[in-house]
Protein backbone atom coordinates (compact mmCIF):
# COMPACT_ATOMS: atom_id res chain seq x y z
CA MET A 1 -40.80 -6.07 -6.35
CA SER A 2 -39.71 -9.01 -4.20
CA LEU A 3 -37.57 -11.89 -5.29
CA ALA A 4 -39.20 -15.24 -5.96
CA PRO A 5 -38.26 -17.83 -3.34
CA LEU A 6 -35.48 -20.25 -4.16
CA GLN A 7 -36.82 -23.58 -5.31
CA GLN A 8 -34.99 -26.87 -5.39
CA ASN A 9 -33.72 -27.96 -8.82
CA LYS A 10 -34.49 -24.54 -10.30
CA PRO A 11 -31.68 -22.07 -11.01
CA PHE A 12 -31.69 -18.79 -9.15
CA GLY A 13 -31.75 -16.97 -12.45
CA LEU A 14 -31.75 -13.20 -12.40
CA GLY A 15 -32.25 -12.75 -16.10
CA ASN A 16 -34.28 -10.13 -17.86
CA ARG A 17 -37.35 -10.50 -15.67
CA PHE A 18 -35.28 -9.39 -12.68
CA ALA A 19 -33.45 -6.59 -14.48
CA GLY A 20 -33.20 -3.63 -12.14
CA VAL A 21 -34.42 -5.56 -9.10
CA LYS A 22 -32.56 -4.51 -5.94
CA LEU A 23 -31.12 -7.52 -4.13
CA THR A 24 -30.53 -7.65 -0.40
CA GLN A 25 -27.39 -8.88 1.33
CA ALA A 26 -29.27 -12.05 2.34
CA ASN A 27 -30.13 -12.65 -1.34
CA ILE A 28 -26.55 -12.39 -2.55
CA ASP A 29 -25.25 -14.51 0.34
CA ARG A 30 -27.66 -17.25 -0.71
CA VAL A 31 -26.64 -16.93 -4.37
CA ALA A 32 -22.96 -17.13 -3.39
CA LEU A 33 -23.55 -20.34 -1.41
CA LEU A 34 -25.40 -22.04 -4.25
CA HIS A 35 -22.87 -20.88 -6.85
CA LYS A 36 -19.99 -22.19 -4.76
CA ARG A 37 -21.69 -25.59 -4.81
CA PHE A 38 -22.15 -25.24 -8.56
CA VAL A 39 -18.45 -24.55 -9.08
CA LYS A 40 -17.57 -27.60 -6.97
CA HIS A 41 -20.09 -29.74 -8.89
CA GLU A 42 -21.94 -30.46 -5.68
CA ARG A 43 -25.56 -31.54 -5.48
CA ASP A 44 -28.10 -28.68 -5.57
CA GLY A 45 -25.46 -26.23 -6.82
CA GLN A 46 -26.85 -23.45 -8.98
CA ARG A 47 -24.99 -21.08 -11.25
CA ALA A 48 -25.32 -17.41 -10.34
CA LEU A 49 -27.28 -15.78 -13.18
CA LEU A 50 -27.32 -12.16 -12.11
CA SER A 51 -27.91 -10.41 -15.43
CA GLY A 52 -29.41 -6.97 -14.92
CA ALA A 53 -29.60 -7.26 -11.13
CA ASP A 54 -29.02 -4.31 -8.82
CA LEU A 55 -26.20 -5.37 -6.47
CA SER A 56 -25.08 -1.86 -5.61
CA GLY A 57 -23.50 -1.48 -2.20
CA LEU A 58 -23.56 -5.20 -1.42
CA ASN A 59 -20.71 -7.23 0.03
CA LEU A 60 -19.48 -10.02 -2.26
CA ALA A 61 -16.03 -10.13 -0.67
CA THR A 62 -14.18 -13.49 -0.75
CA GLY A 63 -17.12 -15.13 -2.56
CA ASN A 64 -16.57 -17.70 -5.29
CA PHE A 65 -18.29 -16.34 -8.41
CA ASN A 66 -16.15 -18.07 -11.04
CA GLU A 67 -18.05 -18.16 -14.35
CA ALA A 68 -21.03 -16.28 -12.86
CA ASP A 69 -23.13 -14.06 -15.13
CA PHE A 70 -23.28 -10.38 -14.11
CA THR A 71 -24.19 -9.04 -17.57
CA SER A 72 -25.41 -5.43 -17.28
CA ALA A 73 -25.66 -5.76 -13.48
CA ASN A 74 -25.17 -2.77 -11.20
CA LEU A 75 -22.20 -3.45 -8.91
CA SER A 76 -21.49 0.17 -8.11
CA ASN A 77 -20.13 0.77 -4.60
CA SER A 78 -20.06 -2.98 -4.01
CA CYS A 79 -17.24 -4.87 -2.30
CA LEU A 80 -15.59 -7.55 -4.43
CA ARG A 81 -12.45 -7.67 -2.30
CA ARG A 82 -10.67 -11.03 -2.70
CA ALA A 83 -13.65 -12.41 -4.64
CA GLN A 84 -13.08 -15.19 -7.16
CA LEU A 85 -14.40 -14.06 -10.56
CA GLU A 86 -12.43 -16.16 -13.04
CA ARG A 87 -14.08 -16.18 -16.46
CA ALA A 88 -17.05 -14.28 -15.01
CA ASN A 89 -19.28 -12.38 -17.41
CA LEU A 90 -19.16 -8.71 -16.46
CA PHE A 91 -20.20 -7.44 -19.89
CA CYS A 92 -21.55 -3.86 -19.65
CA THR A 93 -21.53 -4.07 -15.85
CA ASN A 94 -21.53 -0.91 -13.75
CA LEU A 95 -18.41 -1.19 -11.55
CA GLU A 96 -18.31 2.45 -10.47
CA TYR A 97 -16.51 2.87 -7.15
CA CYS A 98 -16.48 -0.87 -6.48
CA ASP A 99 -13.74 -2.31 -4.27
CA ALA A 100 -12.19 -5.14 -6.28
CA THR A 101 -8.83 -5.13 -4.47
CA PHE A 102 -7.06 -8.51 -4.43
CA ALA A 103 -9.91 -10.00 -6.51
CA ASN A 104 -9.24 -12.71 -9.09
CA LEU A 105 -10.72 -11.84 -12.49
CA LYS A 106 -8.58 -14.04 -14.73
CA GLY A 107 -10.16 -14.32 -18.14
CA ALA A 108 -13.19 -12.25 -17.11
CA ASP A 109 -15.29 -10.50 -19.75
CA VAL A 110 -15.33 -6.85 -18.70
CA ARG A 111 -16.18 -5.44 -22.14
CA GLY A 112 -18.15 -2.23 -22.06
CA ALA A 113 -18.03 -2.00 -18.26
CA THR A 114 -18.16 1.35 -16.48
CA LEU A 115 -15.01 1.75 -14.36
CA ARG A 116 -15.28 5.21 -12.84
CA GLY A 117 -13.60 5.17 -9.43
CA ALA A 118 -13.15 1.37 -9.39
CA ASP A 119 -10.26 0.07 -7.28
CA PHE A 120 -8.50 -3.03 -8.65
CA SER A 121 -5.33 -2.69 -6.56
CA PHE A 122 -3.43 -6.01 -6.32
CA ALA A 123 -6.17 -7.75 -8.34
CA THR A 124 -5.36 -10.47 -10.86
CA LEU A 125 -6.80 -9.60 -14.28
CA ASP A 126 -4.67 -11.78 -16.55
CA ASP A 127 -6.27 -12.31 -19.98
CA ALA A 128 -9.31 -10.25 -18.95
CA ASP A 129 -11.16 -8.53 -21.78
CA PHE A 130 -11.69 -4.80 -21.14
CA ARG A 131 -12.49 -3.83 -24.72
CA ALA A 132 -14.51 -0.61 -24.92
CA ALA A 133 -14.66 -0.28 -21.14
CA ALA A 134 -15.02 3.34 -20.07
CA MET A 135 -14.47 5.66 -17.18
CA PHE A 136 -17.85 7.35 -17.48
CA ARG A 137 -21.36 6.17 -18.10
CA MET A 138 -23.12 8.33 -20.66
CA GLY A 139 -25.60 10.68 -19.01
CA HIS A 140 -24.74 9.45 -15.54
CA GLU A 141 -22.41 10.75 -12.85
CA ALA A 142 -22.00 8.32 -9.99
CA GLU A 143 -21.48 9.67 -6.51
CA GLN A 144 -18.65 8.43 -4.38
CA LYS A 145 -20.24 6.55 -1.50
CA VAL A 146 -19.28 4.17 1.25
CA SER A 147 -18.53 0.71 -0.13
CA ALA A 148 -19.62 -2.20 2.06
CA GLY A 149 -19.31 -0.15 5.21
CA ARG A 150 -15.95 1.53 4.64
CA PRO A 151 -14.94 4.78 2.91
CA ARG A 152 -13.23 4.61 -0.47
CA LYS A 153 -9.90 6.24 -1.25
CA ASN A 154 -10.46 6.65 -5.00
CA SER A 155 -11.75 10.03 -6.15
CA GLY A 156 -12.72 9.11 -9.70
CA GLY A 157 -9.88 7.48 -11.61
CA VAL A 158 -9.72 3.72 -12.03
CA ASP A 159 -6.94 2.25 -9.90
CA PHE A 160 -4.90 -0.70 -11.22
CA THR A 161 -2.01 -0.26 -8.74
CA ASN A 162 -0.01 -3.51 -8.37
CA CYS A 163 -2.49 -5.30 -10.65
CA SER A 164 -1.59 -8.27 -12.79
CA LEU A 165 -2.97 -7.52 -16.27
CA LYS A 166 -0.86 -9.96 -18.25
CA GLY A 167 -2.41 -10.61 -21.62
CA ALA A 168 -5.36 -8.34 -20.87
CA SER A 169 -7.21 -6.75 -23.77
CA LEU A 170 -7.64 -2.99 -23.37
CA HIS A 171 -8.70 -2.30 -26.94
CA HIS A 172 -10.75 0.87 -27.37
CA VAL A 173 -10.93 1.57 -23.61
CA THR A 174 -11.60 5.15 -22.60
CA LEU A 175 -10.02 6.03 -19.25
CA LYS A 176 -9.12 9.24 -17.51
CA SER A 177 -6.83 9.55 -14.47
CA ALA A 178 -5.97 5.85 -14.77
CA ILE A 179 -3.42 4.50 -12.29
CA PHE A 180 -1.24 1.59 -13.46
CA ARG A 181 1.48 2.08 -10.86
CA ASN A 182 3.61 -1.10 -10.55
CA ALA A 183 1.07 -3.03 -12.65
CA LEU A 184 2.13 -6.11 -14.60
CA LEU A 185 1.10 -5.42 -18.19
CA ASP A 186 3.10 -8.08 -20.01
CA ARG A 187 1.45 -8.90 -23.38
CA ALA A 188 -1.41 -6.46 -22.68
CA SER A 189 -2.93 -4.89 -25.79
CA PHE A 190 -3.88 -1.21 -26.03
CA THR A 191 -4.98 -0.92 -29.66
CA LYS A 192 -6.88 2.33 -30.18
CA ALA A 193 -7.19 2.87 -26.41
CA ARG A 194 -7.73 6.41 -25.13
CA ILE A 195 -6.09 6.76 -21.72
CA SER A 196 -5.33 10.23 -20.37
CA GLU A 197 -3.66 11.51 -17.21
CA VAL A 198 -2.06 8.11 -16.70
CA ASP A 199 0.30 7.05 -13.89
CA LEU A 200 2.61 4.27 -15.12
CA ASP A 201 5.30 4.56 -12.46
CA GLY A 202 6.96 1.14 -12.15
CA ALA A 203 4.56 -0.54 -14.60
CA VAL A 204 5.87 -3.56 -16.49
CA LEU A 205 5.30 -3.02 -20.23
CA THR A 206 6.96 -6.02 -21.82
CA ASN A 207 6.18 -8.00 -24.97
CA ILE A 208 4.08 -5.11 -26.29
CA ASP A 209 4.40 -3.41 -29.65
CA PRO A 210 5.43 0.18 -28.77
CA ARG A 211 3.25 1.44 -31.61
CA ASP A 212 0.17 0.23 -29.74
CA LEU A 213 0.92 2.17 -26.56
CA PRO A 214 -1.38 5.21 -26.21
CA PHE A 215 1.00 6.99 -23.83
CA PRO A 216 3.36 9.91 -24.35
CA PRO A 217 7.09 9.08 -24.06
CA GLU A 218 7.42 10.90 -20.74
CA ALA A 219 4.80 8.60 -19.18
CA LEU A 220 7.09 5.62 -19.85
CA ARG A 221 10.10 7.13 -18.10
CA ASN A 222 9.92 4.89 -15.01
CA CYS A 223 8.44 1.80 -16.64
CA VAL A 224 10.04 -1.63 -16.86
CA LEU A 225 10.52 -2.50 -20.53
CA ASP A 226 11.90 -5.56 -22.33
CA PRO A 227 15.46 -6.62 -21.49
CA GLY A 228 18.02 -5.46 -24.00
CA PRO A 229 20.46 -7.57 -26.04
CA GLU A 230 23.21 -7.14 -23.42
CA GLU A 231 21.04 -8.75 -20.74
CA ILE A 232 19.93 -11.53 -23.08
CA ALA A 233 23.54 -12.27 -23.96
CA LYS A 234 24.33 -13.06 -20.30
CA VAL A 235 22.25 -16.25 -20.14
CA ASP A 236 25.27 -18.57 -20.50
CA GLU A 237 27.27 -16.46 -18.05
CA VAL A 238 24.56 -16.73 -15.39
CA ARG A 239 24.18 -20.47 -16.02
CA ASP A 240 27.91 -20.91 -15.30
CA ILE A 241 27.69 -18.72 -12.20
CA LEU A 242 24.83 -20.81 -10.80
CA SER A 243 26.65 -24.08 -11.50
CA ALA A 244 29.75 -22.80 -9.68
CA HIS A 245 27.57 -21.66 -6.79
CA GLU A 246 25.96 -25.07 -6.44
CA GLN A 247 29.41 -26.66 -6.38
CA TRP A 248 30.38 -24.18 -3.66
CA VAL A 249 27.31 -25.11 -1.60
CA VAL A 250 27.75 -28.88 -1.96
CA SER A 251 31.46 -28.75 -1.14
CA GLY A 252 30.99 -26.50 1.86
CA GLY A 253 32.99 -23.74 0.20
CA LYS A 254 35.97 -25.93 -0.74
CA SER A 255 35.39 -25.62 -4.47
CA GLY A 256 33.31 -23.56 -6.84
CA LYS A 257 32.44 -19.94 -6.09
CA SER A 258 29.57 -18.17 -4.37
CA ALA A 259 27.30 -16.34 -6.80
CA ASN A 260 27.04 -12.58 -6.89
CA LEU A 261 24.25 -11.48 -9.19
CA ASP A 262 23.71 -8.08 -7.60
CA GLY A 263 22.01 -5.73 -10.05
CA TYR A 264 21.61 -8.33 -12.79
CA ASP A 265 18.55 -8.50 -15.03
CA LEU A 266 17.57 -12.14 -14.50
CA ARG A 267 14.43 -12.14 -16.64
CA PRO A 268 16.05 -13.66 -19.76
CA MET A 269 17.16 -16.66 -17.69
CA ARG A 270 14.03 -16.89 -15.52
CA LEU A 271 13.83 -20.69 -15.84
CA LEU A 272 17.41 -21.33 -14.68
CA PHE A 273 16.66 -20.87 -10.98
CA LYS A 274 14.14 -23.64 -10.38
CA ASN A 275 15.07 -26.51 -8.06
CA ARG A 276 18.65 -25.30 -7.50
CA ARG A 277 20.98 -25.24 -4.49
CA LEU A 278 21.23 -21.47 -4.07
CA THR A 279 21.92 -21.11 -0.35
CA ALA A 280 23.39 -17.66 0.43
CA LEU A 281 22.90 -16.48 -3.15
CA SER A 282 23.41 -12.73 -3.51
CA ALA A 283 21.13 -10.96 -5.99
CA LYS A 284 20.63 -7.59 -4.34
CA GLY A 285 18.75 -5.11 -6.50
CA ALA A 286 18.27 -7.68 -9.24
CA MET A 287 15.52 -7.40 -11.82
CA ALA A 288 13.79 -10.73 -11.30
CA ILE A 289 10.19 -10.20 -12.41
CA GLY A 290 8.62 -13.57 -13.22
CA VAL A 291 11.72 -15.59 -12.28
CA ASP A 292 10.93 -19.14 -11.13
CA PHE A 293 12.70 -19.93 -7.84
CA SER A 294 10.28 -22.74 -6.97
CA GLU A 295 11.70 -25.76 -5.09
CA SER A 296 15.09 -24.05 -4.71
CA GLN A 297 17.27 -23.85 -1.60
CA LEU A 298 17.53 -20.13 -0.83
CA GLN A 299 18.39 -20.19 2.86
CA GLY A 300 20.06 -16.95 3.82
CA ALA A 301 19.82 -15.55 0.28
CA GLN A 302 20.51 -11.81 -0.07
CA LEU A 303 17.74 -10.40 -2.26
CA SER A 304 17.26 -6.97 -0.72
CA GLY A 305 15.93 -4.35 -3.12
CA ALA A 306 15.21 -6.87 -5.86
CA ASP A 307 12.15 -6.64 -8.09
CA LEU A 308 10.49 -9.99 -7.48
CA ARG A 309 7.01 -9.25 -8.78
CA ASP A 310 5.29 -12.34 -10.19
CA ALA A 311 8.24 -14.50 -9.10
CA GLY A 312 7.61 -18.09 -8.04
CA PHE A 313 8.82 -19.34 -4.65
CA SER A 314 6.49 -22.33 -4.34
CA MET A 315 8.07 -25.05 -2.17
CA ALA A 316 11.30 -23.04 -1.96
CA ASP A 317 13.30 -22.91 1.27
CA ILE A 318 13.83 -19.21 1.99
CA ARG A 319 14.52 -19.45 5.72
CA GLY A 320 16.61 -16.52 6.86
CA ALA A 321 16.52 -14.81 3.46
CA ASP A 322 16.78 -11.02 3.21
CA LEU A 323 13.80 -9.72 1.22
CA SER A 324 13.91 -6.22 2.63
CA GLY A 325 12.82 -3.48 0.26
CA THR A 326 11.75 -5.92 -2.43
CA LYS A 327 8.73 -5.67 -4.73
CA LEU A 328 6.69 -8.82 -4.22
CA ALA A 329 3.28 -8.15 -5.76
CA HIS A 330 1.87 -11.40 -7.18
CA ALA A 331 4.90 -13.42 -6.06
CA ARG A 332 3.81 -16.93 -5.01
CA PHE A 333 4.90 -18.55 -1.75
CA ASP A 334 2.61 -21.58 -1.44
CA LYS A 335 4.37 -24.26 0.63
CA ALA A 336 7.51 -22.13 0.80
CA ASP A 337 9.50 -22.57 4.03
CA VAL A 338 9.63 -19.15 5.71
CA ARG A 339 10.45 -20.36 9.21
CA PRO A 340 13.43 -18.88 11.10
CA LEU A 341 16.78 -20.30 10.04
CA ALA A 342 18.74 -21.97 12.83
CA LEU A 343 22.35 -20.74 12.97
CA LEU A 344 25.44 -22.58 14.24
CA SER A 345 25.70 -20.05 17.05
CA GLY A 346 22.43 -21.35 18.45
CA SER A 347 20.47 -18.25 17.46
CA SER A 348 18.10 -17.99 14.51
CA ARG A 349 17.44 -15.59 11.66
CA SER A 350 13.93 -14.80 10.39
CA VAL A 351 12.99 -13.85 6.83
CA ASN A 352 13.52 -10.10 6.57
CA LEU A 353 10.54 -8.41 4.89
CA SER A 354 11.09 -4.91 6.22
CA GLY A 355 10.11 -2.31 3.64
CA ALA A 356 8.97 -4.97 1.16
CA ASP A 357 5.90 -4.34 -0.98
CA TYR A 358 3.67 -7.36 -0.32
CA HIS A 359 0.47 -8.36 1.43
CA GLU A 360 0.19 -10.90 4.23
CA GLU A 361 -2.08 -13.31 2.36
CA GLN A 362 0.70 -14.10 -0.08
CA PHE A 363 2.23 -16.16 2.73
CA SER A 364 -1.02 -17.78 3.90
CA ALA A 365 -0.04 -21.15 2.38
CA ALA A 366 3.65 -20.96 3.40
CA LEU A 367 5.27 -23.07 6.11
CA ARG A 368 5.58 -20.88 9.19
CA GLU A 369 5.75 -23.24 12.17
């Protein structure tokens, strides 16, 4: 069955009458173009209505499919890498062995989806709804194939490594061999979920009722949990330390005192660091998940080994900062100054990212030259 030609002023609707129809790469490229215009409210834009369509093995990478309808579509072995899928309808979609790495699925409806072998590494899935999603499709065993021209690493378990799943709903999900390594699961809900053979190494499980966690105690051994009362009680102490540090910076070291926050848990005071003079701040090995450093002066700051996942560095000056060995998944650097720092000796010092856990695109909107 061939697709009807696109007609002006008529939506490219793949509703029930196209259920099961196999689309070509040219088809989906055309849909992506029209949907991008729809999202931008441009003339002749058409919403992507792909309900029931067979998109298996196609390349949707980097496409803008925000609010598109993929209800019951077959996206198995497809490439969704870096695709924009905010608030997309993926209800009962087959996502077996799809490559959704670095994709943006904020607020997406993924209820009832099949997730066997799907790779969501580094994806953003905040507030996504995964209720009743499952690892297996009843009566069906998908084969591991080549996705969009490249072999897949996943052998069957769904991979949420370095994902952001803040506020995601995982009610009644059924997953086996699920990988949540270093995932951000703040406020995620797991009511009546069935998740076996789970890897939670480094996962952030904060603001969650422990009674709702479907994991054995040993699985939580290396997780990041809520800060304790001792850390919360240090808010005033850290505020005073930062004030003294700013005085030290402004006076050129003549008054105040340089801050040493090595090893501190800075999460309870995450809003104290925005738009501050923090040149040469030392916070080595600090727990700083979600801390807002935006618009701050952090030239030459010593942050090696710190956990900076989901931290904000927008418009911050981090020239010459030491970020070696840090965790930086989902940290934001738009308009941050990451150019080399000129030293009085005439030499310069670059931002040190050796051994840091990040991806290059996080710095795509930073100031480099």
